[in-house]
PDB file of N, CA and C in Angstrom:
ATOM      1  N   UNK A   1     136.895  58.074 236.341  1.00  0.00           N
ATOM      2  CA  UNK A   1     138.512  58.817 236.133  1.00  0.00           C
ATOM      3  C   UNK A   1     138.482  59.624 237.233  1.00  0.00           C
ATOM      4  N   UNK A   2     139.761  59.318 238.078  1.00  0.00           N
ATOM      5  CA  UNK A   2     139.667  60.659 239.096  1.00  0.00           C
ATOM      6  C   UNK A   2     141.192  61.314 238.865  1.00  0.00           C
ATOM      7  N   UNK A   3     141.264  62.360 238.854  1.00  0.00           N
ATOM      8  CA  UNK A   3     142.613  62.772 238.561  1.00  0.00           C
ATOM      9  C   UNK A   3     143.298  63.052 239.460  1.00  0.00           C
ATOM     10  N   UNK A   4     144.814  63.221 239.146  1.00  0.00           N
ATOM     11  CA  UNK A   4     145.779  62.962 240.080  1.00  0.00           C
ATOM     12  C   UNK A   4     145.862  64.966 240.653  1.00  0.00           C
ATOM     13  N   UNK A   5     145.801  64.865 242.148  1.00  0.00           N
ATOM     14  CA  UNK A   5     146.298  66.068 242.727  1.00  0.00           C
ATOM     15  C   UNK A   5     147.621  66.786 242.381  1.00  0.00           C
ATOM     16  N   UNK A   6     148.270  67.008 241.872  1.00  0.00           N
ATOM     17  CA  UNK A   6     149.956  67.686 241.942  1.00  0.00           C
ATOM     18  C   UNK A   6     150.034  69.036 242.816  1.00  0.00           C
ATOM     19  N   UNK A   7     150.883  68.181 243.682  1.00  0.00           N
ATOM     20  CA  UNK A   7     150.855  69.781 244.967  1.00  0.00           C
ATOM     21  C   UNK A   7     152.163  69.700 244.802  1.00  0.00           C
ATOM     22  N   UNK A   8     152.754  71.133 244.055  1.00  0.00           N
ATOM     23  CA  UNK A   8     154.024  71.750 243.625  1.00  0.00           C
ATOM     24  C   UNK A   8     154.599  71.837 245.099  1.00  0.00           C
ATOM     25  N   UNK A   9     156.495  71.550 245.269  1.00  0.00           N
ATOM     26  CA  UNK A   9     157.025  72.067 246.342  1.00  0.00           C
ATOM     27  C   UNK A   9     156.762  74.162 246.683  1.00  0.00           C
ATOM     28  N   UNK A  10     156.731  74.311 245.977  1.00  0.00           N
ATOM     29  CA  UNK A  10     156.368  76.195 245.964  1.00  0.00           C
ATOM     30  C   UNK A  10     155.037  76.442 246.792  1.00  0.00           C
ATOM     31  N   UNK A  11     154.035  75.222 246.823  1.00  0.00           N
ATOM     32  CA  UNK A  11     152.988  75.218 247.530  1.00  0.00           C
ATOM     33  C   UNK A  11     152.937  74.824 248.363  1.00  0.00           C
ATOM     34  N   UNK A  12     153.479  73.917 248.786  1.00  0.00           N
ATOM     35  CA  UNK A  12     153.647  73.566 250.260  1.00  0.00           C
ATOM     36  C   UNK A  12     154.574  74.290 250.446  1.00  0.00           C
ATOM     37  N   UNK A  13     155.871  75.205 249.870  1.00  0.00           N
ATOM     38  CA  UNK A  13     156.568  76.375 250.479  1.00  0.00           C
ATOM     39  C   UNK A  13     155.775  77.220 251.549  1.00  0.00           C
ATOM     40  N   UNK A  14     154.513  77.318 250.874  1.00  0.00           N
ATOM     41  CA  UNK A  14     153.947  78.725 250.783  1.00  0.00           C
ATOM     42  C   UNK A  14     153.096  78.451 252.316  1.00  0.00           C
ATOM     43  N   UNK A  15     152.018  77.335 252.154  1.00  0.00           N
ATOM     44  CA  UNK A  15     151.168  76.861 253.130  1.00  0.00           C
ATOM     45  C   UNK A  15     152.557  76.774 254.497  1.00  0.00           C
ATOM     46  N   UNK A  16     153.251  76.018 254.911  1.00  0.00           N
ATOM     47  CA  UNK A  16     154.363  75.599 255.629  1.00  0.00           C
ATOM     48  C   UNK A  16     155.018  77.426 256.108  1.00  0.00           C
ATOM     49  N   UNK A  17     155.072  77.831 255.235  1.00  0.00           N
ATOM     50  CA  UNK A  17     154.880  79.608 255.328  1.00  0.00           C
ATOM     51  C   UNK A  17     153.957  80.324 256.257  1.00  0.00           C
ATOM     52  N   UNK A  18     152.234  80.238 255.794  1.00  0.00           N
ATOM     53  CA  UNK A  18     151.618  80.716 256.468  1.00  0.00           C
ATOM     54  C   UNK A  18     151.533  80.072 258.231  1.00  0.00           C
ATOM     55  N   UNK A  19     151.553  78.505 257.785  1.00  0.00           N
ATOM     56  CA  UNK A  19     151.663  78.281 259.469  1.00  0.00           C
ATOM     57  C   UNK A  19     152.678  78.953 260.303  1.00  0.00           C
ATOM     58  N   UNK A  20     153.712  78.986 259.793  1.00  0.00           N
ATOM     59  CA  UNK A  20     154.846  79.493 260.438  1.00  0.00           C
ATOM     60  C   UNK A  20     153.922  80.944 260.887  1.00  0.00           C
ATOM     61  N   UNK A  21     154.052  82.035 259.891  1.00  0.00           N
ATOM     62  CA  UNK A  21     153.783  83.026 260.351  1.00  0.00           C
ATOM     63  C   UNK A  21     152.215  83.197 261.359  1.00  0.00           C
ATOM     64  N   UNK A  22     151.321  81.989 261.133  1.00  0.00           N
ATOM     65  CA  UNK A  22     150.107  82.167 261.894  1.00  0.00           C
ATOM     66  C   UNK A  22     150.441  81.701 263.286  1.00  0.00           C
ATOM     67  N   UNK A  23     151.594  80.113 263.859  1.00  0.00           N
ATOM     68  CA  UNK A  23     152.111  80.675 264.294  1.00  0.00           C
ATOM     69  C   UNK A  23     153.160  81.598 265.494  1.00  0.00           C
ATOM     70  N   UNK A  24     154.215  81.411 264.983  1.00  0.00           N
ATOM     71  CA  UNK A  24     154.812  82.292 265.826  1.00  0.00           C
ATOM     72  C   UNK A  24     154.879  83.404 265.545  1.00  0.00           C
ATOM     73  N   UNK A  25     154.207  84.630 264.031  1.00  0.00           N
ATOM     74  CA  UNK A  25     154.316  85.698 264.495  1.00  0.00           C
ATOM     75  C   UNK A  25     152.732  86.127 264.576  1.00  0.00           C
ATOM     76  N   UNK A  26     151.863  85.083 264.841  1.00  0.00           N
ATOM     77  CA  UNK A  26     150.584  85.108 265.734  1.00  0.00           C
ATOM     78  C   UNK A  26     150.242  85.294 267.129  1.00  0.00           C
ATOM     79  N   UNK A  27     151.798  84.442 267.408  1.00  0.00           N
ATOM     80  CA  UNK A  27     151.918  84.538 268.976  1.00  0.00           C
ATOM     81  C   UNK A  27     152.401  86.085 269.203  1.00  0.00           C
ATOM     82  N   UNK A  28     153.951  86.277 268.234  1.00  0.00           N
ATOM     83  CA  UNK A  28     154.149  87.988 268.905  1.00  0.00           C
ATOM     84  C   UNK A  28     153.452  88.840 268.263  1.00  0.00           C
ATOM     85  N   UNK A  29     152.716  89.072 267.655  1.00  0.00           N
ATOM     86  CA  UNK A  29     151.373  89.680 267.344  1.00  0.00           C
ATOM     87  C   UNK A  29     150.646  90.177 268.437  1.00  0.00           C
ATOM     88  N   UNK A  30     149.882  89.321 269.077  1.00  0.00           N
ATOM     89  CA  UNK A  30     149.437  88.562 270.724  1.00  0.00           C
ATOM     90  C   UNK A  30     149.729  89.193 271.326  1.00  0.00           C
ATOM     91  N   UNK A  31     151.073  88.928 271.567  1.00  0.00           N
ATOM     92  CA  UNK A  31     151.711  89.447 272.945  1.00  0.00           C
ATOM     93  C   UNK A  31     152.135  90.383 272.833  1.00  0.00           C
ATOM     94  N   UNK A  32     152.293  91.368 271.729  1.00  0.00           N
ATOM     95  CA  UNK A  32     152.137  92.488 271.900  1.00  0.00           C
ATOM     96  C   UNK A  32     150.681  93.221 272.216  1.00  0.00           C
ATOM     97  N   UNK A  33     150.261  93.163 271.290  1.00  0.00           N
ATOM     98  CA  UNK A  33     148.559  93.534 271.327  1.00  0.00           C
ATOM     99  C   UNK A  33     148.373  93.137 272.904  1.00  0.00           C
ATOM    100  N   UNK A  34     148.589  92.229 273.615  1.00  0.00           N
ATOM    101  CA  UNK A  34     148.214  91.988 275.118  1.00  0.00           C
ATOM    102  C   UNK A  34     149.143  92.681 276.220  1.00  0.00           C
ATOM    103  N   UNK A  35     150.347  92.660 275.886  1.00  0.00           N
ATOM    104  CA  UNK A  35     151.318  94.033 276.233  1.00  0.00           C
ATOM    105  C   UNK A  35     150.781  95.610 276.471  1.00  0.00           C
ATOM    106  N   UNK A  36     150.367  96.076 275.325  1.00  0.00           N
ATOM    107  CA  UNK A  36     149.938  97.126 275.208  1.00  0.00           C
ATOM    108  C   UNK A  36     148.065  97.120 275.747  1.00  0.00           C
ATOM    109  N   UNK A  37     147.903  96.299 276.053  1.00  0.00           N
ATOM    110  CA  UNK A  37     145.898  96.335 276.530  1.00  0.00           C
ATOM    111  C   UNK A  37     146.125  96.399 277.848  1.00  0.00           C
ATOM    112  N   UNK A  38     147.140  96.224 278.481  1.00  0.00           N
ATOM    113  CA  UNK A  38     147.496  95.874 279.695  1.00  0.00           C
ATOM    114  C   UNK A  38     147.898  97.253 280.194  1.00  0.00           C
ATOM    115  N   UNK A  39     148.558  97.895 279.505  1.00  0.00           N
ATOM    116  CA  UNK A  39     148.697  99.373 279.506  1.00  0.00           C
ATOM    117  C   UNK A  39     147.768 100.581 279.727  1.00  0.00           C
ATOM    118  N   UNK A  40     147.570  99.718 278.769  1.00  0.00           N
ATOM    119  CA  UNK A  40     146.047 100.583 278.541  1.00  0.00           C
ATOM    120  C   UNK A  40     145.185 100.709 278.888  1.00  0.00           C
ATOM    121  N   UNK A  41     144.691  99.923 279.841  1.00  0.00           N
ATOM    122  CA  UNK A  41     143.526  99.711 280.265  1.00  0.00           C
ATOM    123  C   UNK A  41     143.431 100.112 281.246  1.00  0.00           C
ATOM    124  N   UNK A  42     142.093 100.304 281.569  1.00  0.00           N
ATOM    125  CA  UNK A  42     141.522 101.651 282.338  1.00  0.00           C
ATOM    126  C   UNK A  42     141.434 101.441 284.181  1.00  0.00           C
ATOM    127  N   UNK A  43     142.334 100.635 284.673  1.00  0.00           N
ATOM    128  CA  UNK A  43     141.912  99.481 285.254  1.00  0.00           C
ATOM    129  C   UNK A  43     143.065  99.533 286.712  1.00  0.00           C
ATOM    130  N   UNK A  44     142.956  98.861 287.546  1.00  0.00           N
ATOM    131  CA  UNK A  44     143.885  98.334 288.306  1.00  0.00           C
ATOM    132  C   UNK A  44     145.324  97.352 287.545  1.00  0.00           C
ATOM    133  N   UNK A  45     146.163  97.971 287.771  1.00  0.00           N
ATOM    134  CA  UNK A  45     147.563  97.120 287.000  1.00  0.00           C
ATOM    135  C   UNK A  45     147.444  95.435 286.391  1.00  0.00           C
ATOM    136  N   UNK A  46     146.643  94.933 287.838  1.00  0.00           N
ATOM    137  CA  UNK A  46     146.249  93.537 287.690  1.00  0.00           C
ATOM    138  C   UNK A  46     144.975  93.330 287.208  1.00  0.00           C
ATOM    139  N   UNK A  47     143.406  94.009 286.901  1.00  0.00           N
ATOM    140  CA  UNK A  47     143.034  93.840 286.012  1.00  0.00           C
ATOM    141  C   UNK A  47     142.866  94.090 284.745  1.00  0.00           C
ATOM    142  N   UNK A  48     143.991  95.002 284.240  1.00  0.00           N
ATOM    143  CA  UNK A  48     144.319  95.026 283.333  1.00  0.00           C
ATOM    144  C   UNK A  48     144.876  93.885 282.760  1.00  0.00           C
ATOM    145  N   UNK A  49     146.320  93.659 282.930  1.00  0.00           N
ATOM    146  CA  UNK A  49     146.714  92.318 283.121  1.00  0.00           C
ATOM    147  C   UNK A  49     146.038  90.440 282.504  1.00  0.00           C
ATOM    148  N   UNK A  50     145.143  91.057 283.368  1.00  0.00           N
ATOM    149  CA  UNK A  50     143.740  90.030 283.369  1.00  0.00           C
ATOM    150  C   UNK A  50     142.707  89.536 282.025  1.00  0.00           C
ATOM    151  N   UNK A  51     142.198  91.152 281.819  1.00  0.00           N
ATOM    152  CA  UNK A  51     141.432  91.295 281.027  1.00  0.00           C
ATOM    153  C   UNK A  51     142.233  91.147 279.544  1.00  0.00           C
ATOM    154  N   UNK A  52     143.512  91.654 279.505  1.00  0.00           N
ATOM    155  CA  UNK A  52     144.449  91.821 278.117  1.00  0.00           C
ATOM    156  C   UNK A  52     144.699  90.412 277.419  1.00  0.00           C
ATOM    157  N   UNK A  53     145.047  89.046 279.153  1.00  0.00           N
ATOM    158  CA  UNK A  53     145.421  87.611 278.421  1.00  0.00           C
ATOM    159  C   UNK A  53     143.694  87.569 278.344  1.00  0.00           C
ATOM    160  N   UNK A  54     142.826  87.354 278.995  1.00  0.00           N
ATOM    161  CA  UNK A  54     141.542  86.769 278.318  1.00  0.00           C
ATOM    162  C   UNK A  54     141.347  87.265 276.929  1.00  0.00           C
ATOM    163  N   UNK A  55     141.415  88.515 276.676  1.00  0.00           N
ATOM    164  CA  UNK A  55     141.315  89.325 275.202  1.00  0.00           C
ATOM    165  C   UNK A  55     142.471  88.124 274.206  1.00  0.00           C
ATOM    166  N   UNK A  56     143.520  88.385 274.382  1.00  0.00           N
ATOM    167  CA  UNK A  56     144.682  87.506 273.824  1.00  0.00           C
ATOM    168  C   UNK A  56     144.045  86.208 273.106  1.00  0.00           C
ATOM    169  N   UNK A  57     143.577  85.968 273.354  1.00  0.00           N
ATOM    170  CA  UNK A  57     143.118  84.531 272.989  1.00  0.00           C
ATOM    171  C   UNK A  57     141.729  84.574 271.619  1.00  0.00           C
ATOM    172  N   UNK A  58     141.024  85.587 271.576  1.00  0.00           N
ATOM    173  CA  UNK A  58     140.575  86.352 270.742  1.00  0.00           C
ATOM    174  C   UNK A  58     141.036  86.561 269.617  1.00  0.00           C
ATOM    175  N   UNK A  59     142.316  87.391 269.761  1.00  0.00           N
ATOM    176  CA  UNK A  59     143.138  88.078 269.338  1.00  0.00           C
ATOM    177  C   UNK A  59     143.893  87.523 268.279  1.00  0.00           C
ATOM    178  N   UNK A  60     144.425  86.180 269.602  1.00  0.00           N
ATOM    179  CA  UNK A  60     145.433  84.425 268.505  1.00  0.00           C
ATOM    180  C   UNK A  60     144.238  84.718 267.709  1.00  0.00           C
ATOM    181  N   UNK A  61     143.725  84.347 267.458  1.00  0.00           N
ATOM    182  CA  UNK A  61     142.673  83.856 266.581  1.00  0.00           C
ATOM    183  C   UNK A  61     142.207  84.313 265.411  1.00  0.00           C
ATOM    184  N   UNK A  62     141.839  85.713 265.553  1.00  0.00           N
ATOM    185  CA  UNK A  62     141.191  86.298 264.255  1.00  0.00           C
ATOM    186  C   UNK A  62     142.815  86.834 263.841  1.00  0.00           C
ATOM    187  N   UNK A  63     144.155  86.482 264.320  1.00  0.00           N
ATOM    188  CA  UNK A  63     145.279  86.489 263.990  1.00  0.00           C
ATOM    189  C   UNK A  63     145.347  85.494 262.952  1.00  0.00           C
ATOM    190  N   UNK A  64     145.528  84.818 263.711  1.00  0.00           N
ATOM    191  CA  UNK A  64     145.632  82.877 261.995  1.00  0.00           C
ATOM    192  C   UNK A  64     144.266  83.396 261.107  1.00  0.00           C
ATOM    193  N   UNK A  65     143.017  83.395 261.994  1.00  0.00           N
ATOM    194  CA  UNK A  65     141.932  83.344 260.361  1.00  0.00           C
ATOM    195  C   UNK A  65     143.179  84.209 259.086  1.00  0.00           C
ATOM    196  N   UNK A  66     143.157  85.049 259.982  1.00  0.00           N
ATOM    197  CA  UNK A  66     144.053  86.758 258.932  1.00  0.00           C
ATOM    198  C   UNK A  66     145.143  86.356 257.887  1.00  0.00           C
ATOM    199  N   UNK A  67     145.615  85.235 258.403  1.00  0.00           N
ATOM    200  CA  UNK A  67     146.935  84.885 257.810  1.00  0.00           C
ATOM    201  C   UNK A  67     146.728  83.961 256.737  1.00  0.00           C
ATOM    202  N   UNK A  68     145.547  82.731 256.805  1.00  0.00           N
ATOM    203  CA  UNK A  68     145.159  82.438 255.554  1.00  0.00           C
ATOM    204  C   UNK A  68     144.267  83.050 255.295  1.00  0.00           C
ATOM    205  N   UNK A  69     143.568  83.883 255.090  1.00  0.00           N
ATOM    206  CA  UNK A  69     142.718  85.004 254.455  1.00  0.00           C
ATOM    207  C   UNK A  69     143.355  85.367 253.611  1.00  0.00           C
ATOM    208  N   UNK A  70     144.696  86.048 253.647  1.00  0.00           N
ATOM    209  CA  UNK A  70     145.074  87.465 252.993  1.00  0.00           C
ATOM    210  C   UNK A  70     145.678  86.465 251.366  1.00  0.00           C
ATOM    211  N   UNK A  71     146.057  87.037 250.803  1.00  0.00           N
ATOM    212  CA  UNK A  71     146.016  87.178 249.279  1.00  0.00           C
ATOM    213  C   UNK A  71     147.446  86.157 248.910  1.00  0.00           C
ATOM    214  N   UNK A  72     149.022  86.619 249.655  1.00  0.00           N
ATOM    215  CA  UNK A  72     150.162  85.793 249.922  1.00  0.00           C
ATOM    216  C   UNK A  72     150.723  85.642 251.236  1.00  0.00           C
ATOM    217  N   UNK A  73     151.265  85.041 251.374  1.00  0.00           N
ATOM    218  CA  UNK A  73     152.016  84.133 252.638  1.00  0.00           C
ATOM    219  C   UNK A  73     152.940  85.663 253.323  1.00  0.00           C
ATOM    220  N   UNK A  74     153.920  86.283 251.450  1.00  0.00           N
ATOM    221  CA  UNK A  74     154.586  87.544 251.672  1.00  0.00           C
ATOM    222  C   UNK A  74     153.389  88.577 252.748  1.00  0.00           C
ATOM    223  N   UNK A  75     152.557  88.660 251.900  1.00  0.00           N
ATOM    224  CA  UNK A  75     151.615  89.868 252.643  1.00  0.00           C
ATOM    225  C   UNK A  75     151.206  89.655 253.962  1.00  0.00           C
ATOM    226  N   UNK A  76     150.622  88.135 253.868  1.00  0.00           N
ATOM    227  CA  UNK A  76     150.549  87.547 255.790  1.00  0.00           C
ATOM    228  C   UNK A  76     152.023  87.849 256.840  1.00  0.00           C
ATOM    229  N   UNK A  77     153.401  87.533 256.446  1.00  0.00           N
ATOM    230  CA  UNK A  77     154.822  88.187 257.443  1.00  0.00           C
ATOM    231  C   UNK A  77     154.746  89.536 257.235  1.00  0.00           C
ATOM    232  N   UNK A  78     154.368  90.498 256.852  1.00  0.00           N
ATOM    233  CA  UNK A  78     154.570  91.468 256.638  1.00  0.00           C
ATOM    234  C   UNK A  78     153.397  92.284 257.364  1.00  0.00           C
ATOM    235  N   UNK A  79     152.332  91.990 257.658  1.00  0.00           N
ATOM    236  CA  UNK A  79     151.255  92.108 258.569  1.00  0.00           C
ATOM    237  C   UNK A  79     151.608  92.045 259.352  1.00  0.00           C
ATOM    238  N   UNK A  80     151.712  91.053 260.079  1.00  0.00           N
ATOM    239  CA  UNK A  80     151.940  90.335 261.126  1.00  0.00           C
ATOM    240  C   UNK A  80     153.187  90.843 262.025  1.00  0.00           C
ATOM    241  N   UNK A  81     154.798  91.387 260.624  1.00  0.00           N
ATOM    242  CA  UNK A  81     155.883  91.767 261.331  1.00  0.00           C
ATOM    243  C   UNK A  81     155.350  93.221 261.495  1.00  0.00           C
ATOM    244  N   UNK A  82     154.839  93.954 260.677  1.00  0.00           N
ATOM    245  CA  UNK A  82     154.214  96.006 261.196  1.00  0.00           C
ATOM    246  C   UNK A  82     153.945  95.645 262.246  1.00  0.00           C
ATOM    247  N   UNK A  83     152.509  94.995 262.878  1.00  0.00           N
ATOM    248  CA  UNK A  83     151.491  94.967 263.523  1.00  0.00           C
ATOM    249  C   UNK A  83     152.250  95.085 264.625  1.00  0.00           C
ATOM    250  N   UNK A  84     152.964  94.070 264.657  1.00  0.00           N
ATOM    251  CA  UNK A  84     153.971  93.737 266.115  1.00  0.00           C
ATOM    252  C   UNK A  84     154.780  94.889 266.454  1.00  0.00           C
ATOM    253  N   UNK A  85     155.634  95.144 265.505  1.00  0.00           N
ATOM    254  CA  UNK A  85     156.864  96.439 265.731  1.00  0.00           C
ATOM    255  C   UNK A  85     155.260  97.739 266.159  1.00  0.00           C
ATOM    256  N   UNK A  86     154.553  98.006 265.235  1.00  0.00           N
ATOM    257  CA  UNK A  86     154.048  98.679 265.993  1.00  0.00           C
ATOM    258  C   UNK A  86     153.358  99.346 267.442  1.00  0.00           C
ATOM    259  N   UNK A  87     152.415  97.965 267.198  1.00  0.00           N
ATOM    260  CA  UNK A  87     151.732  97.759 269.139  1.00  0.00           C
ATOM    261  C   UNK A  87     153.119  97.524 270.327  1.00  0.00           C
ATOM    262  N   UNK A  88     154.450  97.320 269.719  1.00  0.00           N
ATOM    263  CA  UNK A  88     155.559  97.105 270.535  1.00  0.00           C
ATOM    264  C   UNK A  88     155.601  98.376 270.818  1.00  0.00           C
ATOM    265  N   UNK A  89     155.479  99.232 269.780  1.00  0.00           N
ATOM    266  CA  UNK A  89     156.055 100.560 270.439  1.00  0.00           C
ATOM    267  C   UNK A  89     154.844 100.945 270.580  1.00  0.00           C
ATOM    268  N   UNK A  90     154.029 101.109 270.202  1.00  0.00           N
ATOM    269  CA  UNK A  90     153.001 102.339 271.157  1.00  0.00           C
ATOM    270  C   UNK A  90     152.951 101.207 272.717  1.00  0.00           C
ATOM    271  N   UNK A  91     153.214 100.123 273.286  1.00  0.00           N
ATOM    272  CA  UNK A  91     152.905  99.628 274.634  1.00  0.00           C
ATOM    273  C   UNK A  91     154.629 100.212 275.165  1.00  0.00           C
ATOM    274  N   UNK A  92     155.607 100.605 274.594  1.00  0.00           N
ATOM    275  CA  UNK A  92     156.876 101.498 275.292  1.00  0.00           C
ATOM    276  C   UNK A  92     156.478 102.654 274.949  1.00  0.00           C
ATOM    277  N   UNK A  93     155.930 103.207 274.168  1.00  0.00           N
ATOM    278  CA  UNK A  93     155.713 104.788 274.608  1.00  0.00           C
ATOM    279  C   UNK A  93     154.879 105.107 275.662  1.00  0.00           C
ATOM    280  N   UNK A  94     153.674 104.250 275.774  1.00  0.00           N
ATOM    281  CA  UNK A  94     152.105 104.396 276.756  1.00  0.00           C
ATOM    282  C   UNK A  94     152.461 103.812 278.003  1.00  0.00           C
ATOM    283  N   UNK A  95     153.984 102.975 278.201  1.00  0.00           N
ATOM    284  CA  UNK A  95     154.621 101.844 279.488  1.00  0.00           C
ATOM    285  C   UNK A  95     155.322 103.575 280.462  1.00  0.00           C
ATOM    286  N   UNK A  96     154.811 103.297 281.466  1.00  0.00           N
ATOM    287  CA  UNK A  96     155.154 104.197 282.815  1.00  0.00           C
ATOM    288  C   UNK A  96     153.778 105.124 283.042  1.00  0.00           C
ATOM    289  N   UNK A  97     153.206 105.842 281.741  1.00  0.00           N
ATOM    290  CA  UNK A  97     152.741 106.367 281.585  1.00  0.00           C
ATOM    291  C   UNK A  97     151.429 106.655 282.062  1.00  0.00           C
ATOM    292  N   UNK A  98     150.485 107.348 283.367  1.00  0.00           N
ATOM    293  CA  UNK A  98     149.454 107.469 284.444  1.00  0.00           C
ATOM    294  C   UNK A  98     148.205 106.812 283.253  1.00  0.00           C
ATOM    295  N   UNK A  99     147.783 105.472 282.919  1.00  0.00           N
ATOM    296  CA  UNK A  99     146.283 105.731 282.283  1.00  0.00           C
ATOM    297  C   UNK A  99     147.087 105.634 280.379  1.00  0.00           C
ATOM    298  N   UNK A 100     148.383 105.241 280.261  1.00  0.00           N
ATOM    299  CA  UNK A 100     148.124 104.235 279.174  1.00  0.00           C
ATOM    300  C   UNK A 100     149.194 106.016 278.294  1.00  0.00           C
ATOM    301  N   UNK A 101     148.927 105.683 276.899  1.00  0.00           N
ATOM    302  CA  UNK A 101     149.948 106.591 276.088  1.00  0.00           C
ATOM    303  C   UNK A 101     149.113 108.281 276.027  1.00  0.00           C
ATOM    304  N   UNK A 102     150.338 108.271 276.093  1.00  0.00           N
ATOM    305  CA  UNK A 102     149.254 110.264 276.006  1.00  0.00           C
ATOM    306  C   UNK A 102     149.662 110.951 274.868  1.00  0.00           C
TER     307      UNK A 102
END
């Protein structure tokens, strides 16, 4: 006899929230990390942007995996949002400074 697996609406919303955090929040966090890396990269600007963009694929993958490994969807959203804000602030501080953040 097989058991029926009952999936509650709360569980469905939690999974949907993690998918949104991974897709949207992961994109925002990866964009912020790419921006910061391109500002900090110790090479000509074009090379910094190129290498930061190539690393962004790895960063995005790690963020998506992390979102689904966290204990709760709230923690996933908090980590993604806080990380994005911090990386954007660091990129803003380092923008225009030769060699990156002073």
